[in-house]
């Protein structure tokens, strides 16, 4: 977990997208519970996911379903901006 003022980033690294999504789900759950304990909340509308991939062909990763935790279904984005840096 990286955090800067009101921007947070949860990172996982794995060769399997399904394993990564499972780890992100667990991390999101822990983070959400910790923030709730401190009287804070995650802005679900600002929550995004992005998968880096080395393949040169078509890449269609599955969404991350956070609805059991009260969050949204997150669909991976093609590009991502974090603290003024663009990743694609």
PDB file of N, CA and C in Angstrom:
ATOM      1  N   UNK A   1       0.847  -1.170   0.000  1.00  0.00           N
ATOM      2  CA  UNK A   1       0.000   0.000   0.000  1.00  0.00           C
ATOM      3  C   UNK A   1       0.888   1.226   0.000  1.00  0.00           C
ATOM      4  N   UNK A   2       0.690   2.107  -0.970  1.00  0.00           N
ATOM      5  CA  UNK A   2       1.364   3.394  -1.018  1.00  0.00           C
ATOM      6  C   UNK A   2       0.310   4.466  -0.817  1.00  0.00           C
ATOM      7  N   UNK A   3       0.628   5.496  -0.074  1.00  0.00           N
ATOM      8  CA  UNK A   3      -0.342   6.547   0.170  1.00  0.00           C
ATOM      9  C   UNK A   3       0.338   7.894   0.152  1.00  0.00           C
ATOM     10  N   UNK A   4      -0.312   8.870  -0.483  1.00  0.00           N
ATOM     11  CA  UNK A   4       0.182  10.230  -0.536  1.00  0.00           C
ATOM     12  C   UNK A   4      -1.011  11.155  -0.373  1.00  0.00           C
ATOM     13  N   UNK A   5      -1.107  11.831   0.744  1.00  0.00           N
ATOM     14  CA  UNK A   5      -2.219  12.713   1.100  1.00  0.00           C
ATOM     15  C   UNK A   5      -3.524  11.942   0.967  1.00  0.00           C
ATOM     16  N   UNK A   6      -4.321  12.216  -0.064  1.00  0.00           N
ATOM     17  CA  UNK A   6      -5.602  11.505  -0.200  1.00  0.00           C
ATOM     18  C   UNK A   6      -5.601  10.518  -1.359  1.00  0.00           C
ATOM     19  N   UNK A   7      -4.434  10.213  -1.895  1.00  0.00           N
ATOM     20  CA  UNK A   7      -4.323   9.219  -2.968  1.00  0.00           C
ATOM     21  C   UNK A   7      -3.672   7.964  -2.414  1.00  0.00           C
ATOM     22  N   UNK A   8      -4.287   6.833  -2.685  1.00  0.00           N
ATOM     23  CA  UNK A   8      -3.725   5.567  -2.243  1.00  0.00           C
ATOM     24  C   UNK A   8      -3.543   4.623  -3.409  1.00  0.00           C
ATOM     25  N   UNK A   9      -2.656   3.695  -3.250  1.00  0.00           N
ATOM     26  CA  UNK A   9      -2.364   2.734  -4.306  1.00  0.00           C
ATOM     27  C   UNK A   9      -2.118   1.382  -3.653  1.00  0.00           C
ATOM     28  N   UNK A  10      -2.881   0.381  -4.057  1.00  0.00           N
ATOM     29  CA  UNK A  10      -2.675  -0.985  -3.594  1.00  0.00           C
ATOM     30  C   UNK A  10      -2.050  -1.742  -4.757  1.00  0.00           C
ATOM     31  N   UNK A  11      -0.914  -2.349  -4.516  1.00  0.00           N
ATOM     32  CA  UNK A  11      -0.168  -3.025  -5.577  1.00  0.00           C
ATOM     33  C   UNK A  11      -0.067  -4.509  -5.260  1.00  0.00           C
ATOM     34  N   UNK A  12      -0.241  -5.312  -6.283  1.00  0.00           N
ATOM     35  CA  UNK A  12       0.031  -6.743  -6.156  1.00  0.00           C
ATOM     36  C   UNK A  12       0.776  -7.183  -7.411  1.00  0.00           C
ATOM     37  N   UNK A  13       1.614  -8.174  -7.262  1.00  0.00           N
ATOM     38  CA  UNK A  13       2.371  -8.694  -8.394  1.00  0.00           C
ATOM     39  C   UNK A  13       2.228 -10.200  -8.409  1.00  0.00           C
ATOM     40  N   UNK A  14       1.788 -10.716  -9.536  1.00  0.00           N
ATOM     41  CA  UNK A  14       1.579 -12.141  -9.653  1.00  0.00           C
ATOM     42  C   UNK A  14       1.501 -12.492 -11.128  1.00  0.00           C
ATOM     43  N   UNK A  15       1.857 -13.695 -11.491  1.00  0.00           N
ATOM     44  CA  UNK A  15       1.751 -14.129 -12.883  1.00  0.00           C
ATOM     45  C   UNK A  15       0.318 -14.448 -13.272  1.00  0.00           C
ATOM     46  N   UNK A  16      -0.545 -14.631 -12.303  1.00  0.00           N
ATOM     47  CA  UNK A  16      -1.941 -14.960 -12.555  1.00  0.00           C
ATOM     48  C   UNK A  16      -2.835 -13.766 -12.215  1.00  0.00           C
ATOM     49  N   UNK A  17      -3.661 -13.343 -13.172  1.00  0.00           N
ATOM     50  CA  UNK A  17      -4.595 -12.246 -12.943  1.00  0.00           C
ATOM     51  C   UNK A  17      -5.599 -12.634 -11.863  1.00  0.00           C
ATOM     52  N   UNK A  18      -6.044 -13.880 -11.863  1.00  0.00           N
ATOM     53  CA  UNK A  18      -7.008 -14.313 -10.851  1.00  0.00           C
ATOM     54  C   UNK A  18      -6.414 -14.253  -9.451  1.00  0.00           C
ATOM     55  N   UNK A  19      -5.150 -14.640  -9.301  1.00  0.00           N
ATOM     56  CA  UNK A  19      -4.479 -14.541  -8.003  1.00  0.00           C
ATOM     57  C   UNK A  19      -4.310 -13.080  -7.592  1.00  0.00           C
ATOM     58  N   UNK A  20      -3.959 -12.242  -8.553  1.00  0.00           N
ATOM     59  CA  UNK A  20      -3.819 -10.813  -8.267  1.00  0.00           C
ATOM     60  C   UNK A  20      -5.146 -10.222  -7.801  1.00  0.00           C
ATOM     61  N   UNK A  21      -6.229 -10.564  -8.499  1.00  0.00           N
ATOM     62  CA  UNK A  21      -7.540 -10.053  -8.107  1.00  0.00           C
ATOM     63  C   UNK A  21      -7.922 -10.542  -6.716  1.00  0.00           C
ATOM     64  N   UNK A  22      -7.589 -11.781  -6.392  1.00  0.00           N
ATOM     65  CA  UNK A  22      -7.875 -12.316  -5.063  1.00  0.00           C
ATOM     66  C   UNK A  22      -7.098 -11.547  -3.997  1.00  0.00           C
ATOM     67  N   UNK A  23      -5.832 -11.266  -4.260  1.00  0.00           N
ATOM     68  CA  UNK A  23      -5.009 -10.509  -3.315  1.00  0.00           C
ATOM     69  C   UNK A  23      -5.518  -9.075  -3.180  1.00  0.00           C
ATOM     70  N   UNK A  24      -5.923  -8.457  -4.299  1.00  0.00           N
ATOM     71  CA  UNK A  24      -6.460  -7.105  -4.250  1.00  0.00           C
ATOM     72  C   UNK A  24      -7.765  -7.061  -3.465  1.00  0.00           C
ATOM     73  N   UNK A  25      -8.594  -8.077  -3.632  1.00  0.00           N
ATOM     74  CA  UNK A  25      -9.858  -8.162  -2.892  1.00  0.00           C
ATOM     75  C   UNK A  25      -9.587  -8.199  -1.390  1.00  0.00           C
ATOM     76  N   UNK A  26      -8.660  -9.048  -0.973  1.00  0.00           N
ATOM     77  CA  UNK A  26      -8.321  -9.164   0.454  1.00  0.00           C
ATOM     78  C   UNK A  26      -7.716  -7.868   0.976  1.00  0.00           C
ATOM     79  N   UNK A  27      -6.830  -7.261   0.207  1.00  0.00           N
ATOM     80  CA  UNK A  27      -6.198  -6.007   0.621  1.00  0.00           C
ATOM     81  C   UNK A  27      -7.227  -4.892   0.733  1.00  0.00           C
ATOM     82  N   UNK A  28      -8.144  -4.829  -0.210  1.00  0.00           N
ATOM     83  CA  UNK A  28      -9.200  -3.813  -0.181  1.00  0.00           C
ATOM     84  C   UNK A  28     -10.070  -3.995   1.051  1.00  0.00           C
ATOM     85  N   UNK A  29     -10.368  -5.235   1.401  1.00  0.00           N
ATOM     86  CA  UNK A  29     -11.169  -5.530   2.584  1.00  0.00           C
ATOM     87  C   UNK A  29     -10.457  -5.065   3.855  1.00  0.00           C
ATOM     88  N   UNK A  30      -9.184  -5.390   4.000  1.00  0.00           N
ATOM     89  CA  UNK A  30      -8.412  -4.987   5.176  1.00  0.00           C
ATOM     90  C   UNK A  30      -8.326  -3.465   5.251  1.00  0.00           C
ATOM     91  N   UNK A  31      -8.008  -2.826   4.132  1.00  0.00           N
ATOM     92  CA  UNK A  31      -7.881  -1.376   4.106  1.00  0.00           C
ATOM     93  C   UNK A  31      -9.205  -0.693   4.436  1.00  0.00           C
ATOM     94  N   UNK A  32     -10.280  -1.182   3.863  1.00  0.00           N
ATOM     95  CA  UNK A  32     -11.603  -0.611   4.113  1.00  0.00           C
ATOM     96  C   UNK A  32     -11.969  -0.719   5.592  1.00  0.00           C
ATOM     97  N   UNK A  33     -11.696  -1.871   6.202  1.00  0.00           N
ATOM     98  CA  UNK A  33     -11.985  -2.059   7.630  1.00  0.00           C
ATOM     99  C   UNK A  33     -11.126  -1.166   8.517  1.00  0.00           C
ATOM    100  N   UNK A  34      -9.845  -1.019   8.175  1.00  0.00           N
ATOM    101  CA  UNK A  34      -8.974  -0.147   8.952  1.00  0.00           C
ATOM    102  C   UNK A  34      -9.427   1.305   8.874  1.00  0.00           C
ATOM    103  N   UNK A  35      -9.743   1.750   7.666  1.00  0.00           N
ATOM    104  CA  UNK A  35     -10.200   3.131   7.507  1.00  0.00           C
ATOM    105  C   UNK A  35     -11.508   3.372   8.239  1.00  0.00           C
ATOM    106  N   UNK A  36     -12.415   2.400   8.201  1.00  0.00           N
ATOM    107  CA  UNK A  36     -13.684   2.524   8.924  1.00  0.00           C
ATOM    108  C   UNK A  36     -13.435   2.642  10.423  1.00  0.00           C
ATOM    109  N   UNK A  37     -12.487   1.876  10.944  1.00  0.00           N
ATOM    110  CA  UNK A  37     -12.146   1.946  12.370  1.00  0.00           C
ATOM    111  C   UNK A  37     -11.635   3.342  12.768  1.00  0.00           C
ATOM    112  N   UNK A  38     -10.993   4.035  11.816  1.00  0.00           N
ATOM    113  CA  UNK A  38     -10.484   5.379  12.074  1.00  0.00           C
ATOM    114  C   UNK A  38     -11.490   6.468  11.686  1.00  0.00           C
ATOM    115  N   UNK A  39     -12.695   6.054  11.301  1.00  0.00           N
ATOM    116  CA  UNK A  39     -13.724   7.017  10.934  1.00  0.00           C
ATOM    117  C   UNK A  39     -13.567   7.581   9.536  1.00  0.00           C
ATOM    118  N   UNK A  40     -12.849   6.886   8.680  1.00  0.00           N
ATOM    119  CA  UNK A  40     -12.624   7.322   7.296  1.00  0.00           C
ATOM    120  C   UNK A  40     -13.279   6.343   6.340  1.00  0.00           C
ATOM    121  N   UNK A  41     -13.449   6.746   5.093  1.00  0.00           N
ATOM    122  CA  UNK A  41     -14.050   5.867   4.090  1.00  0.00           C
ATOM    123  C   UNK A  41     -13.253   5.937   2.789  1.00  0.00           C
ATOM    124  N   UNK A  42     -13.364   4.881   2.007  1.00  0.00           N
ATOM    125  CA  UNK A  42     -12.792   4.848   0.662  1.00  0.00           C
ATOM    126  C   UNK A  42     -13.828   5.416  -0.291  1.00  0.00           C
ATOM    127  N   UNK A  43     -13.414   6.319  -1.161  1.00  0.00           N
ATOM    128  CA  UNK A  43     -14.318   6.840  -2.175  1.00  0.00           C
ATOM    129  C   UNK A  43     -14.367   5.817  -3.318  1.00  0.00           C
ATOM    130  N   UNK A  44     -15.411   5.001  -3.302  1.00  0.00           N
ATOM    131  CA  UNK A  44     -15.518   3.920  -4.283  1.00  0.00           C
ATOM    132  C   UNK A  44     -15.526   4.442  -5.714  1.00  0.00           C
ATOM    133  N   UNK A  45     -16.082   5.613  -5.940  1.00  0.00           N
ATOM    134  CA  UNK A  45     -16.137   6.178  -7.283  1.00  0.00           C
ATOM    135  C   UNK A  45     -14.774   6.529  -7.846  1.00  0.00           C
ATOM    136  N   UNK A  46     -13.792   6.703  -6.980  1.00  0.00           N
ATOM    137  CA  UNK A  46     -12.436   7.032  -7.427  1.00  0.00           C
ATOM    138  C   UNK A  46     -11.535   5.808  -7.492  1.00  0.00           C
ATOM    139  N   UNK A  47     -12.056   4.662  -7.130  1.00  0.00           N
ATOM    140  CA  UNK A  47     -11.257   3.442  -7.093  1.00  0.00           C
ATOM    141  C   UNK A  47     -11.099   2.887  -8.502  1.00  0.00           C
ATOM    142  N   UNK A  48      -9.868   2.575  -8.883  1.00  0.00           N
ATOM    143  CA  UNK A  48      -9.571   2.049 -10.219  1.00  0.00           C
ATOM    144  C   UNK A  48      -8.605   0.890 -10.107  1.00  0.00           C
ATOM    145  N   UNK A  49      -8.582   0.061 -11.149  1.00  0.00           N
ATOM    146  CA  UNK A  49      -7.559  -0.989 -11.242  1.00  0.00           C
ATOM    147  C   UNK A  49      -6.902  -0.922 -12.615  1.00  0.00           C
ATOM    148  N   UNK A  50      -5.686  -1.383 -12.654  1.00  0.00           N
ATOM    149  CA  UNK A  50      -4.912  -1.422 -13.888  1.00  0.00           C
ATOM    150  C   UNK A  50      -3.981  -2.620 -13.794  1.00  0.00           C
ATOM    151  N   UNK A  51      -3.953  -3.429 -14.834  1.00  0.00           N
ATOM    152  CA  UNK A  51      -3.071  -4.597 -14.867  1.00  0.00           C
ATOM    153  C   UNK A  51      -1.957  -4.342 -15.880  1.00  0.00           C
ATOM    154  N   UNK A  52      -0.723  -4.450 -15.422  1.00  0.00           N
ATOM    155  CA  UNK A  52       0.395  -4.411 -16.351  1.00  0.00           C
ATOM    156  C   UNK A  52       0.535  -5.798 -16.952  1.00  0.00           C
ATOM    157  N   UNK A  53       0.873  -5.845 -18.237  1.00  0.00           N
ATOM    158  CA  UNK A  53       0.961  -7.128 -18.918  1.00  0.00           C
ATOM    159  C   UNK A  53       2.077  -7.067 -19.952  1.00  0.00           C
ATOM    160  N   UNK A  54       2.825  -8.136 -20.068  1.00  0.00           N
ATOM    161  CA  UNK A  54       3.920  -8.186 -21.037  1.00  0.00           C
ATOM    162  C   UNK A  54       3.510  -8.761 -22.384  1.00  0.00           C
ATOM    163  N   UNK A  55       2.313  -9.302 -22.483  1.00  0.00           N
ATOM    164  CA  UNK A  55       1.909  -9.909 -23.752  1.00  0.00           C
ATOM    165  C   UNK A  55       1.685  -8.822 -24.799  1.00  0.00           C
ATOM    166  N   UNK A  56       1.917  -9.190 -26.041  1.00  0.00           N
ATOM    167  CA  UNK A  56       1.753  -8.239 -27.136  1.00  0.00           C
ATOM    168  C   UNK A  56       0.447  -8.465 -27.884  1.00  0.00           C
ATOM    169  N   UNK A  57      -0.281  -9.473 -27.491  1.00  0.00           N
ATOM    170  CA  UNK A  57      -1.563  -9.769 -28.136  1.00  0.00           C
ATOM    171  C   UNK A  57      -2.718  -9.143 -27.379  1.00  0.00           C
ATOM    172  N   UNK A  58      -3.900  -9.614 -27.712  1.00  0.00           N
ATOM    173  CA  UNK A  58      -5.101  -9.116 -27.045  1.00  0.00           C
ATOM    174  C   UNK A  58      -5.050  -9.477 -25.562  1.00  0.00           C
ATOM    175  N   UNK A  59      -5.438  -8.539 -24.734  1.00  0.00           N
ATOM    176  CA  UNK A  59      -5.393  -8.738 -23.282  1.00  0.00           C
ATOM    177  C   UNK A  59      -6.702  -8.221 -22.706  1.00  0.00           C
ATOM    178  N   UNK A  60      -7.477  -9.113 -22.133  1.00  0.00           N
ATOM    179  CA  UNK A  60      -8.790  -8.749 -21.603  1.00  0.00           C
ATOM    180  C   UNK A  60      -8.930  -9.312 -20.188  1.00  0.00           C
ATOM    181  N   UNK A  61      -8.349  -8.620 -19.185  1.00  0.00           N
ATOM    182  CA  UNK A  61      -8.407  -9.141 -17.819  1.00  0.00           C
ATOM    183  C   UNK A  61      -9.810  -9.053 -17.244  1.00  0.00           C
ATOM    184  N   UNK A  62     -10.144  -9.953 -16.330  1.00  0.00           N
ATOM    185  CA  UNK A  62     -11.475  -9.945 -15.728  1.00  0.00           C
ATOM    186  C   UNK A  62     -11.628  -8.770 -14.756  1.00  0.00           C
ATOM    187  N   UNK A  63     -12.862  -8.342 -14.510  1.00  0.00           N
ATOM    188  CA  UNK A  63     -13.088  -7.269 -13.536  1.00  0.00           C
ATOM    189  C   UNK A  63     -12.845  -7.770 -12.117  1.00  0.00           C
ATOM    190  N   UNK A  64     -12.703  -6.824 -11.210  1.00  0.00           N
ATOM    191  CA  UNK A  64     -12.539  -7.125  -9.790  1.00  0.00           C
ATOM    192  C   UNK A  64     -13.846  -6.760  -9.100  1.00  0.00           C
ATOM    193  N   UNK A  65     -14.553  -7.765  -8.599  1.00  0.00           N
ATOM    194  CA  UNK A  65     -15.866  -7.558  -7.995  1.00  0.00           C
ATOM    195  C   UNK A  65     -15.716  -7.301  -6.495  1.00  0.00           C
ATOM    196  N   UNK A  66     -15.959  -6.060  -6.091  1.00  0.00           N
ATOM    197  CA  UNK A  66     -15.862  -5.685  -4.681  1.00  0.00           C
ATOM    198  C   UNK A  66     -17.229  -5.505  -4.039  1.00  0.00           C
ATOM    199  N   UNK A  67     -18.292  -5.898  -4.726  1.00  0.00           N
ATOM    200  CA  UNK A  67     -19.642  -5.710  -4.189  1.00  0.00           C
ATOM    201  C   UNK A  67     -19.874  -6.449  -2.866  1.00  0.00           C
ATOM    202  N   UNK A  68     -19.262  -7.627  -2.621  1.00  0.00           N
ATOM    203  CA  UNK A  68     -19.460  -8.254  -1.307  1.00  0.00           C
ATOM    204  C   UNK A  68     -18.920  -7.399  -0.149  1.00  0.00           C
ATOM    205  N   UNK A  69     -18.006  -6.463  -0.476  1.00  0.00           N
ATOM    206  CA  UNK A  69     -17.431  -5.590   0.540  1.00  0.00           C
ATOM    207  C   UNK A  69     -18.109  -4.220   0.561  1.00  0.00           C
ATOM    208  N   UNK A  70     -19.143  -4.053  -0.239  1.00  0.00           N
ATOM    209  CA  UNK A  70     -19.817  -2.767  -0.332  1.00  0.00           C
ATOM    210  C   UNK A  70     -19.179  -1.826  -1.339  1.00  0.00           C
ATOM    211  N   UNK A  71     -18.279  -2.356  -2.133  1.00  0.00           N
ATOM    212  CA  UNK A  71     -17.593  -1.554  -3.150  1.00  0.00           C
ATOM    213  C   UNK A  71     -18.169  -1.806  -4.523  1.00  0.00           C
ATOM    214  N   UNK A  72     -17.558  -1.238  -5.547  1.00  0.00           N
ATOM    215  CA  UNK A  72     -18.039  -1.394  -6.917  1.00  0.00           C
ATOM    216  C   UNK A  72     -17.433  -2.623  -7.606  1.00  0.00           C
ATOM    217  N   UNK A  73     -17.871  -2.865  -8.820  1.00  0.00           N
ATOM    218  CA  UNK A  73     -17.192  -3.802  -9.709  1.00  0.00           C
ATOM    219  C   UNK A  73     -16.202  -2.958 -10.498  1.00  0.00           C
ATOM    220  N   UNK A  74     -14.925  -3.275 -10.393  1.00  0.00           N
ATOM    221  CA  UNK A  74     -13.891  -2.484 -11.047  1.00  0.00           C
ATOM    222  C   UNK A  74     -13.463  -3.151 -12.349  1.00  0.00           C
ATOM    223  N   UNK A  75     -13.559  -2.400 -13.425  1.00  0.00           N
ATOM    224  CA  UNK A  75     -13.129  -2.883 -14.725  1.00  0.00           C
ATOM    225  C   UNK A  75     -11.758  -2.287 -15.032  1.00  0.00           C
ATOM    226  N   UNK A  76     -10.781  -3.117 -15.400  1.00  0.00           N
ATOM    227  CA  UNK A  76      -9.440  -2.603 -15.670  1.00  0.00           C
ATOM    228  C   UNK A  76      -9.445  -1.524 -16.748  1.00  0.00           C
ATOM    229  N   UNK A  77      -8.650  -0.504 -16.546  1.00  0.00           N
ATOM    230  CA  UNK A  77      -8.533   0.612 -17.479  1.00  0.00           C
ATOM    231  C   UNK A  77      -7.352   0.384 -18.408  1.00  0.00           C
ATOM    232  N   UNK A  78      -7.415   1.017 -19.586  1.00  0.00           N
ATOM    233  CA  UNK A  78      -6.319   0.917 -20.551  1.00  0.00           C
ATOM    234  C   UNK A  78      -5.154   1.834 -20.199  1.00  0.00           C
ATOM    235  N   UNK A  79      -5.444   2.950 -19.529  1.00  0.00           N
ATOM    236  CA  UNK A  79      -4.393   3.856 -19.077  1.00  0.00           C
ATOM    237  C   UNK A  79      -4.725   4.300 -17.660  1.00  0.00           C
ATOM    238  N   UNK A  80      -3.715   4.793 -16.980  1.00  0.00           N
ATOM    239  CA  UNK A  80      -3.865   5.101 -15.572  1.00  0.00           C
ATOM    240  C   UNK A  80      -3.001   6.309 -15.246  1.00  0.00           C
ATOM    241  N   UNK A  81      -3.549   7.265 -14.504  1.00  0.00           N
ATOM    242  CA  UNK A  81      -2.807   8.446 -14.078  1.00  0.00           C
ATOM    243  C   UNK A  81      -2.667   8.396 -12.564  1.00  0.00           C
ATOM    244  N   UNK A  82      -1.449   8.548 -12.085  1.00  0.00           N
ATOM    245  CA  UNK A  82      -1.195   8.547 -10.654  1.00  0.00           C
ATOM    246  C   UNK A  82      -0.186   9.634 -10.340  1.00  0.00           C
ATOM    247  N   UNK A  83      -0.593  10.593  -9.536  1.00  0.00           N
ATOM    248  CA  UNK A  83       0.251  11.699  -9.120  1.00  0.00           C
ATOM    249  C   UNK A  83       0.932  12.400 -10.304  1.00  0.00           C
ATOM    250  N   UNK A  84       0.188  12.585 -11.382  1.00  0.00           N
ATOM    251  CA  UNK A  84       0.684  13.291 -12.539  1.00  0.00           C
ATOM    252  C   UNK A  84       1.434  12.442 -13.540  1.00  0.00           C
ATOM    253  N   UNK A  85       1.642  11.171 -13.262  1.00  0.00           N
ATOM    254  CA  UNK A  85       2.312  10.264 -14.192  1.00  0.00           C
ATOM    255  C   UNK A  85       1.264   9.418 -14.904  1.00  0.00           C
ATOM    256  N   UNK A  86       1.474   9.223 -16.201  1.00  0.00           N
ATOM    257  CA  UNK A  86       0.558   8.388 -16.987  1.00  0.00           C
ATOM    258  C   UNK A  86       1.226   7.050 -17.266  1.00  0.00           C
ATOM    259  N   UNK A  87       0.438   5.968 -17.044  1.00  0.00           N
ATOM    260  CA  UNK A  87       0.898   4.611 -17.323  1.00  0.00           C
ATOM    261  C   UNK A  87      -0.043   4.022 -18.351  1.00  0.00           C
ATOM    262  N   UNK A  88       0.502   3.365 -19.354  1.00  0.00           N
ATOM    263  CA  UNK A  88      -0.349   2.688 -20.344  1.00  0.00           C
ATOM    264  C   UNK A  88       0.311   1.434 -20.857  1.00  0.00           C
TER     265      UNK A  88
END
